[in-house]
Amino acid sequence: MDQTKDMVLKLIDKVRPYLQRDGGDIEVLNVEDGIVYVKMLGACDGCMAIDVTLKQGIEALLLENVPGVIGVVNVD
């Protein structure tokens, strides 16, 4: 596994308990060309706050902490 994906997975594992507390979860599907592809699960799937969670939460965290990451995309 490459270093970028490893760093992404470690950060996702840190936020996962907060998502799970609200009945949701997140799965990292792939990291390719600086884009992190994720699938939101449980209560997160279809939640009205999903865009805020992804962009202002998860994406902001990854952009700040993982060199090379340029965005996060939710795959339905």
PDB file of N, CA and C in Angstrom:
ATOM      1  N   MET A   1       0.852  -1.185   0.000  1.00  0.00           N
ATOM      2  CA  MET A   1       0.000   0.000   0.000  1.00  0.00           C
ATOM      3  C   MET A   1       0.893   1.241   0.000  1.00  0.00           C
ATOM      4  N   ASP A   2       0.508   2.228  -0.813  1.00  0.00           N
ATOM      5  CA  ASP A   2       1.355   3.410  -0.873  1.00  0.00           C
ATOM      6  C   ASP A   2       1.155   4.303   0.353  1.00  0.00           C
ATOM      7  N   GLN A   3       2.098   5.195   0.553  1.00  0.00           N
ATOM      8  CA  GLN A   3       2.118   6.030   1.756  1.00  0.00           C
ATOM      9  C   GLN A   3       0.896   6.946   1.846  1.00  0.00           C
ATOM     10  N   THR A   4       0.470   7.517   0.717  1.00  0.00           N
ATOM     11  CA  THR A   4      -0.689   8.413   0.732  1.00  0.00           C
ATOM     12  C   THR A   4      -1.932   7.670   1.201  1.00  0.00           C
ATOM     13  N   LYS A   5      -2.175   6.495   0.627  1.00  0.00           N
ATOM     14  CA  LYS A   5      -3.363   5.725   1.013  1.00  0.00           C
ATOM     15  C   LYS A   5      -3.290   5.321   2.483  1.00  0.00           C
ATOM     16  N   ASP A   6      -2.109   4.968   2.944  1.00  0.00           N
ATOM     17  CA  ASP A   6      -1.920   4.594   4.343  1.00  0.00           C
ATOM     18  C   ASP A   6      -2.267   5.773   5.264  1.00  0.00           C
ATOM     19  N   MET A   7      -1.806   6.970   4.893  1.00  0.00           N
ATOM     20  CA  MET A   7      -2.108   8.169   5.690  1.00  0.00           C
ATOM     21  C   MET A   7      -3.607   8.471   5.677  1.00  0.00           C
ATOM     22  N   VAL A   8      -4.238   8.311   4.522  1.00  0.00           N
ATOM     23  CA  VAL A   8      -5.684   8.528   4.395  1.00  0.00           C
ATOM     24  C   VAL A   8      -6.435   7.576   5.313  1.00  0.00           C
ATOM     25  N   LEU A   9      -6.080   6.298   5.269  1.00  0.00           N
ATOM     26  CA  LEU A   9      -6.771   5.290   6.085  1.00  0.00           C
ATOM     27  C   LEU A   9      -6.616   5.578   7.579  1.00  0.00           C
ATOM     28  N   LYS A  10      -5.425   6.017   7.998  1.00  0.00           N
ATOM     29  CA  LYS A  10      -5.207   6.328   9.417  1.00  0.00           C
ATOM     30  C   LYS A  10      -6.081   7.494   9.873  1.00  0.00           C
ATOM     31  N   LEU A  11      -6.202   8.523   9.029  1.00  0.00           N
ATOM     32  CA  LEU A  11      -7.047   9.663   9.393  1.00  0.00           C
ATOM     33  C   LEU A  11      -8.530   9.288   9.391  1.00  0.00           C
ATOM     34  N   ILE A  12      -8.943   8.496   8.414  1.00  0.00           N
ATOM     35  CA  ILE A  12     -10.341   8.048   8.362  1.00  0.00           C
ATOM     36  C   ILE A  12     -10.675   7.244   9.619  1.00  0.00           C
ATOM     37  N   ASP A  13      -9.730   6.417  10.061  1.00  0.00           N
ATOM     38  CA  ASP A  13      -9.957   5.628  11.277  1.00  0.00           C
ATOM     39  C   ASP A  13     -10.147   6.524  12.499  1.00  0.00           C
ATOM     40  N   LYS A  14      -9.544   7.723  12.485  1.00  0.00           N
ATOM     41  CA  LYS A  14      -9.710   8.652  13.610  1.00  0.00           C
ATOM     42  C   LYS A  14     -11.086   9.314  13.616  1.00  0.00           C
ATOM     43  N   VAL A  15     -11.678   9.537  12.439  1.00  0.00           N
ATOM     44  CA  VAL A  15     -13.004  10.175  12.393  1.00  0.00           C
ATOM     45  C   VAL A  15     -14.145   9.162  12.394  1.00  0.00           C
ATOM     46  N   ARG A  16     -13.839   7.927  12.069  1.00  0.00           N
ATOM     47  CA  ARG A  16     -14.872   6.887  11.985  1.00  0.00           C
ATOM     48  C   ARG A  16     -15.739   6.788  13.246  1.00  0.00           C
ATOM     49  N   PRO A  17     -15.183   6.840  14.467  1.00  0.00           N
ATOM     50  CA  PRO A  17     -16.044   6.738  15.655  1.00  0.00           C
ATOM     51  C   PRO A  17     -17.115   7.832  15.726  1.00  0.00           C
ATOM     52  N   TYR A  18     -16.821   9.015  15.216  1.00  0.00           N
ATOM     53  CA  TYR A  18     -17.806  10.103  15.229  1.00  0.00           C
ATOM     54  C   TYR A  18     -18.949   9.805  14.261  1.00  0.00           C
ATOM     55  N   LEU A  19     -18.622   9.230  13.122  1.00  0.00           N
ATOM     56  CA  LEU A  19     -19.653   8.843  12.161  1.00  0.00           C
ATOM     57  C   LEU A  19     -20.491   7.697  12.718  1.00  0.00           C
ATOM     58  N   GLN A  20     -19.815   6.724  13.328  1.00  0.00           N
ATOM     59  CA  GLN A  20     -20.511   5.558  13.873  1.00  0.00           C
ATOM     60  C   GLN A  20     -21.418   5.939  15.031  1.00  0.00           C
ATOM     61  N   ARG A  21     -21.031   6.955  15.777  1.00  0.00           N
ATOM     62  CA  ARG A  21     -21.849   7.413  16.904  1.00  0.00           C
ATOM     63  C   ARG A  21     -23.225   7.877  16.421  1.00  0.00           C
ATOM     64  N   ASP A  22     -23.257   8.401  15.182  1.00  0.00           N
ATOM     65  CA  ASP A  22     -24.518   8.862  14.600  1.00  0.00           C
ATOM     66  C   ASP A  22     -25.153   7.818  13.681  1.00  0.00           C
ATOM     67  N   GLY A  23     -24.644   6.586  13.738  1.00  0.00           N
ATOM     68  CA  GLY A  23     -25.238   5.500  12.962  1.00  0.00           C
ATOM     69  C   GLY A  23     -24.690   5.354  11.555  1.00  0.00           C
ATOM     70  N   GLY A  24     -23.598   6.053  11.249  1.00  0.00           N
ATOM     71  CA  GLY A  24     -23.023   5.989   9.903  1.00  0.00           C
ATOM     72  C   GLY A  24     -21.655   5.359   9.900  1.00  0.00           C
ATOM     73  N   ASP A  25     -21.039   5.373   8.736  1.00  0.00           N
ATOM     74  CA  ASP A  25     -19.674   4.865   8.594  1.00  0.00           C
ATOM     75  C   ASP A  25     -19.150   5.323   7.240  1.00  0.00           C
ATOM     76  N   ILE A  26     -17.883   5.078   6.997  1.00  0.00           N
ATOM     77  CA  ILE A  26     -17.242   5.458   5.743  1.00  0.00           C
ATOM     78  C   ILE A  26     -16.285   4.359   5.333  1.00  0.00           C
ATOM     79  N   GLU A  27     -16.244   4.092   4.035  1.00  0.00           N
ATOM     80  CA  GLU A  27     -15.328   3.103   3.479  1.00  0.00           C
ATOM     81  C   GLU A  27     -14.484   3.799   2.414  1.00  0.00           C
ATOM     82  N   VAL A  28     -13.170   3.654   2.490  1.00  0.00           N
ATOM     83  CA  VAL A  28     -12.281   4.195   1.466  1.00  0.00           C
ATOM     84  C   VAL A  28     -12.187   3.161   0.357  1.00  0.00           C
ATOM     85  N   LEU A  29     -12.648   3.536  -0.834  1.00  0.00           N
ATOM     86  CA  LEU A  29     -12.646   2.615  -1.969  1.00  0.00           C
ATOM     87  C   LEU A  29     -11.332   2.657  -2.730  1.00  0.00           C
ATOM     88  N   ASN A  30     -10.789   3.870  -2.899  1.00  0.00           N
ATOM     89  CA  ASN A  30      -9.577   4.009  -3.697  1.00  0.00           C
ATOM     90  C   ASN A  30      -8.973   5.390  -3.459  1.00  0.00           C
ATOM     91  N   VAL A  31      -7.682   5.494  -3.700  1.00  0.00           N
ATOM     92  CA  VAL A  31      -6.989   6.777  -3.716  1.00  0.00           C
ATOM     93  C   VAL A  31      -6.227   6.810  -5.030  1.00  0.00           C
ATOM     94  N   GLU A  32      -6.618   7.718  -5.926  1.00  0.00           N
ATOM     95  CA  GLU A  32      -6.038   7.747  -7.263  1.00  0.00           C
ATOM     96  C   GLU A  32      -5.885   9.177  -7.749  1.00  0.00           C
ATOM     97  N   ASP A  33      -4.702   9.540  -8.183  1.00  0.00           N
ATOM     98  CA  ASP A  33      -4.410  10.873  -8.718  1.00  0.00           C
ATOM     99  C   ASP A  33      -4.831  11.993  -7.759  1.00  0.00           C
ATOM    100  N   GLY A  34      -4.634  11.766  -6.470  1.00  0.00           N
ATOM    101  CA  GLY A  34      -4.943  12.787  -5.476  1.00  0.00           C
ATOM    102  C   GLY A  34      -6.394  12.829  -5.037  1.00  0.00           C
ATOM    103  N   ILE A  35      -7.237  12.006  -5.634  1.00  0.00           N
ATOM    104  CA  ILE A  35      -8.656  11.956  -5.265  1.00  0.00           C
ATOM    105  C   ILE A  35      -8.903  10.737  -4.384  1.00  0.00           C
ATOM    106  N   VAL A  36      -9.584  10.973  -3.265  1.00  0.00           N
ATOM    107  CA  VAL A  36      -9.952   9.892  -2.349  1.00  0.00           C
ATOM    108  C   VAL A  36     -11.409   9.541  -2.636  1.00  0.00           C
ATOM    109  N   TYR A  37     -11.637   8.321  -3.071  1.00  0.00           N
ATOM    110  CA  TYR A  37     -12.989   7.849  -3.375  1.00  0.00           C
ATOM    111  C   TYR A  37     -13.514   7.095  -2.157  1.00  0.00           C
ATOM    112  N   VAL A  38     -14.660   7.552  -1.649  1.00  0.00           N
ATOM    113  CA  VAL A  38     -15.239   6.950  -0.449  1.00  0.00           C
ATOM    114  C   VAL A  38     -16.689   6.569  -0.704  1.00  0.00           C
ATOM    115  N   LYS A  39     -17.176   5.675   0.137  1.00  0.00           N
ATOM    116  CA  LYS A  39     -18.596   5.313   0.136  1.00  0.00           C
ATOM    117  C   LYS A  39     -19.106   5.544   1.546  1.00  0.00           C
ATOM    118  N   MET A  40     -20.126   6.377   1.646  1.00  0.00           N
ATOM    119  CA  MET A  40     -20.735   6.643   2.938  1.00  0.00           C
ATOM    120  C   MET A  40     -21.756   5.543   3.224  1.00  0.00           C
ATOM    121  N   LEU A  41     -21.748   5.040   4.444  1.00  0.00           N
ATOM    122  CA  LEU A  41     -22.565   3.887   4.806  1.00  0.00           C
ATOM    123  C   LEU A  41     -23.520   4.214   5.944  1.00  0.00           C
ATOM    124  N   GLY A  42     -24.493   3.340   6.143  1.00  0.00           N
ATOM    125  CA  GLY A  42     -25.429   3.480   7.259  1.00  0.00           C
ATOM    126  C   GLY A  42     -26.206   4.773   7.171  1.00  0.00           C
ATOM    127  N   ALA A  43     -26.324   5.462   8.301  1.00  0.00           N
ATOM    128  CA  ALA A  43     -27.094   6.696   8.373  1.00  0.00           C
ATOM    129  C   ALA A  43     -26.483   7.809   7.520  1.00  0.00           C
ATOM    130  N   CYS A  44     -25.196   7.711   7.201  1.00  0.00           N
ATOM    131  CA  CYS A  44     -24.542   8.732   6.367  1.00  0.00           C
ATOM    132  C   CYS A  44     -25.034   8.677   4.929  1.00  0.00           C
ATOM    133  N   ASP A  45     -25.415   7.493   4.466  1.00  0.00           N
ATOM    134  CA  ASP A  45     -25.873   7.327   3.092  1.00  0.00           C
ATOM    135  C   ASP A  45     -27.243   7.985   2.947  1.00  0.00           C
ATOM    136  N   GLY A  46     -27.288   9.074   2.200  1.00  0.00           N
ATOM    137  CA  GLY A  46     -28.553   9.777   2.005  1.00  0.00           C
ATOM    138  C   GLY A  46     -28.837  10.852   3.038  1.00  0.00           C
ATOM    139  N   CYS A  47     -27.951  11.029   3.996  1.00  0.00           N
ATOM    140  CA  CYS A  47     -28.145  12.059   5.016  1.00  0.00           C
ATOM    141  C   CYS A  47     -28.067  13.450   4.379  1.00  0.00           C
ATOM    142  N   MET A  48     -28.885  14.372   4.843  1.00  0.00           N
ATOM    143  CA  MET A  48     -28.897  15.720   4.282  1.00  0.00           C
ATOM    144  C   MET A  48     -27.609  16.478   4.588  1.00  0.00           C
ATOM    145  N   ALA A  49     -26.887  16.083   5.616  1.00  0.00           N
ATOM    146  CA  ALA A  49     -25.646  16.772   5.989  1.00  0.00           C
ATOM    147  C   ALA A  49     -24.411  16.128   5.360  1.00  0.00           C
ATOM    148  N   ILE A  50     -24.618  15.210   4.415  1.00  0.00           N
ATOM    149  CA  ILE A  50     -23.486  14.471   3.846  1.00  0.00           C
ATOM    150  C   ILE A  50     -22.477  15.394   3.174  1.00  0.00           C
ATOM    151  N   ASP A  51     -22.941  16.401   2.455  1.00  0.00           N
ATOM    152  CA  ASP A  51     -22.014  17.303   1.772  1.00  0.00           C
ATOM    153  C   ASP A  51     -21.159  18.072   2.766  1.00  0.00           C
ATOM    154  N   VAL A  52     -21.766  18.509   3.849  1.00  0.00           N
ATOM    155  CA  VAL A  52     -21.030  19.238   4.882  1.00  0.00           C
ATOM    156  C   VAL A  52     -20.011  18.307   5.539  1.00  0.00           C
ATOM    157  N   THR A  53     -20.441  17.109   5.873  1.00  0.00           N
ATOM    158  CA  THR A  53     -19.540  16.134   6.503  1.00  0.00           C
ATOM    159  C   THR A  53     -18.353  15.832   5.595  1.00  0.00           C
ATOM    160  N   LEU A  54     -18.643  15.615   4.314  1.00  0.00           N
ATOM    161  CA  LEU A  54     -17.569  15.269   3.378  1.00  0.00           C
ATOM    162  C   LEU A  54     -16.632  16.435   3.111  1.00  0.00           C
ATOM    163  N   LYS A  55     -17.174  17.590   2.764  1.00  0.00           N
ATOM    164  CA  LYS A  55     -16.341  18.718   2.331  1.00  0.00           C
ATOM    165  C   LYS A  55     -15.693  19.455   3.498  1.00  0.00           C
ATOM    166  N   GLN A  56     -16.481  19.815   4.502  1.00  0.00           N
ATOM    167  CA  GLN A  56     -15.945  20.613   5.604  1.00  0.00           C
ATOM    168  C   GLN A  56     -15.291  19.759   6.684  1.00  0.00           C
ATOM    169  N   GLY A  57     -15.609  18.489   6.695  1.00  0.00           N
ATOM    170  CA  GLY A  57     -15.029  17.602   7.693  1.00  0.00           C
ATOM    171  C   GLY A  57     -13.917  16.750   7.121  1.00  0.00           C
ATOM    172  N   ILE A  58     -14.298  15.706   6.426  1.00  0.00           N
ATOM    173  CA  ILE A  58     -13.345  14.715   5.954  1.00  0.00           C
ATOM    174  C   ILE A  58     -12.380  15.284   4.914  1.00  0.00           C
ATOM    175  N   GLU A  59     -12.913  15.980   3.894  1.00  0.00           N
ATOM    176  CA  GLU A  59     -12.030  16.522   2.861  1.00  0.00           C
ATOM    177  C   GLU A  59     -11.063  17.551   3.446  1.00  0.00           C
ATOM    178  N   ALA A  60     -11.558  18.439   4.280  1.00  0.00           N
ATOM    179  CA  ALA A  60     -10.694  19.461   4.886  1.00  0.00           C
ATOM    180  C   ALA A  60      -9.573  18.814   5.695  1.00  0.00           C
ATOM    181  N   LEU A  61      -9.904  17.785   6.465  1.00  0.00           N
ATOM    182  CA  LEU A  61      -8.915  17.071   7.275  1.00  0.00           C
ATOM    183  C   LEU A  61      -7.843  16.424   6.395  1.00  0.00           C
ATOM    184  N   LEU A  62      -8.281  15.773   5.315  1.00  0.00           N
ATOM    185  CA  LEU A  62      -7.333  15.096   4.435  1.00  0.00           C
ATOM    186  C   LEU A  62      -6.469  16.093   3.664  1.00  0.00           C
ATOM    187  N   LEU A  63      -7.066  17.174   3.174  1.00  0.00           N
ATOM    188  CA  LEU A  63      -6.297  18.187   2.436  1.00  0.00           C
ATOM    189  C   LEU A  63      -5.203  18.786   3.319  1.00  0.00           C
ATOM    190  N   GLU A  64      -5.533  18.980   4.576  1.00  0.00           N
ATOM    191  CA  GLU A  64      -4.603  19.611   5.508  1.00  0.00           C
ATOM    192  C   GLU A  64      -3.484  18.669   5.950  1.00  0.00           C
ATOM    193  N   ASN A  65      -3.774  17.385   6.010  1.00  0.00           N
ATOM    194  CA  ASN A  65      -2.843  16.447   6.631  1.00  0.00           C
ATOM    195  C   ASN A  65      -2.179  15.429   5.712  1.00  0.00           C
ATOM    196  N   VAL A  66      -2.669  15.279   4.494  1.00  0.00           N
ATOM    197  CA  VAL A  66      -2.105  14.271   3.593  1.00  0.00           C
ATOM    198  C   VAL A  66      -1.615  14.951   2.309  1.00  0.00           C
ATOM    199  N   PRO A  67      -0.299  15.064   2.150  1.00  0.00           N
ATOM    200  CA  PRO A  67       0.248  15.673   0.940  1.00  0.00           C
ATOM    201  C   PRO A  67      -0.207  14.926  -0.313  1.00  0.00           C
ATOM    202  N   GLY A  68      -0.633  15.672  -1.314  1.00  0.00           N
ATOM    203  CA  GLY A  68      -1.041  15.055  -2.574  1.00  0.00           C
ATOM    204  C   GLY A  68      -2.525  14.867  -2.732  1.00  0.00           C
ATOM    205  N   VAL A  69      -3.277  14.906  -1.618  1.00  0.00           N
ATOM    206  CA  VAL A  69      -4.723  14.762  -1.712  1.00  0.00           C
ATOM    207  C   VAL A  69      -5.309  16.091  -2.173  1.00  0.00           C
ATOM    208  N   ILE A  70      -6.137  16.046  -3.223  1.00  0.00           N
ATOM    209  CA  ILE A  70      -6.744  17.275  -3.749  1.00  0.00           C
ATOM    210  C   ILE A  70      -8.270  17.271  -3.659  1.00  0.00           C
ATOM    211  N   GLY A  71      -8.861  16.144  -3.253  1.00  0.00           N
ATOM    212  CA  GLY A  71     -10.310  16.121  -3.125  1.00  0.00           C
ATOM    213  C   GLY A  71     -10.815  14.788  -2.646  1.00  0.00           C
ATOM    214  N   VAL A  72     -12.106  14.800  -2.254  1.00  0.00           N
ATOM    215  CA  VAL A  72     -12.788  13.600  -1.814  1.00  0.00           C
ATOM    216  C   VAL A  72     -14.088  13.484  -2.610  1.00  0.00           C
ATOM    217  N   VAL A  73     -14.354  12.289  -3.137  1.00  0.00           N
ATOM    218  CA  VAL A  73     -15.548  12.049  -3.921  1.00  0.00           C
ATOM    219  C   VAL A  73     -16.326  10.904  -3.289  1.00  0.00           C
ATOM    220  N   ASN A  74     -17.634  11.138  -3.081  1.00  0.00           N
ATOM    221  CA  ASN A  74     -18.503  10.088  -2.572  1.00  0.00           C
ATOM    222  C   ASN A  74     -19.028   9.275  -3.744  1.00  0.00           C
ATOM    223  N   VAL A  75     -18.838   7.967  -3.709  1.00  0.00           N
ATOM    224  CA  VAL A  75     -19.315   7.067  -4.763  1.00  0.00           C
ATOM    225  C   VAL A  75     -20.585   6.401  -4.261  1.00  0.00           C
ATOM    226  N   ASP A  76     -21.664   6.585  -5.006  1.00  0.00           N
ATOM    227  CA  ASP A  76     -22.952   5.975  -4.595  1.00  0.00           C
ATOM    228  C   ASP A  76     -22.991   4.507  -4.935  1.00  0.00           C
TER     229      ASP A  76
END
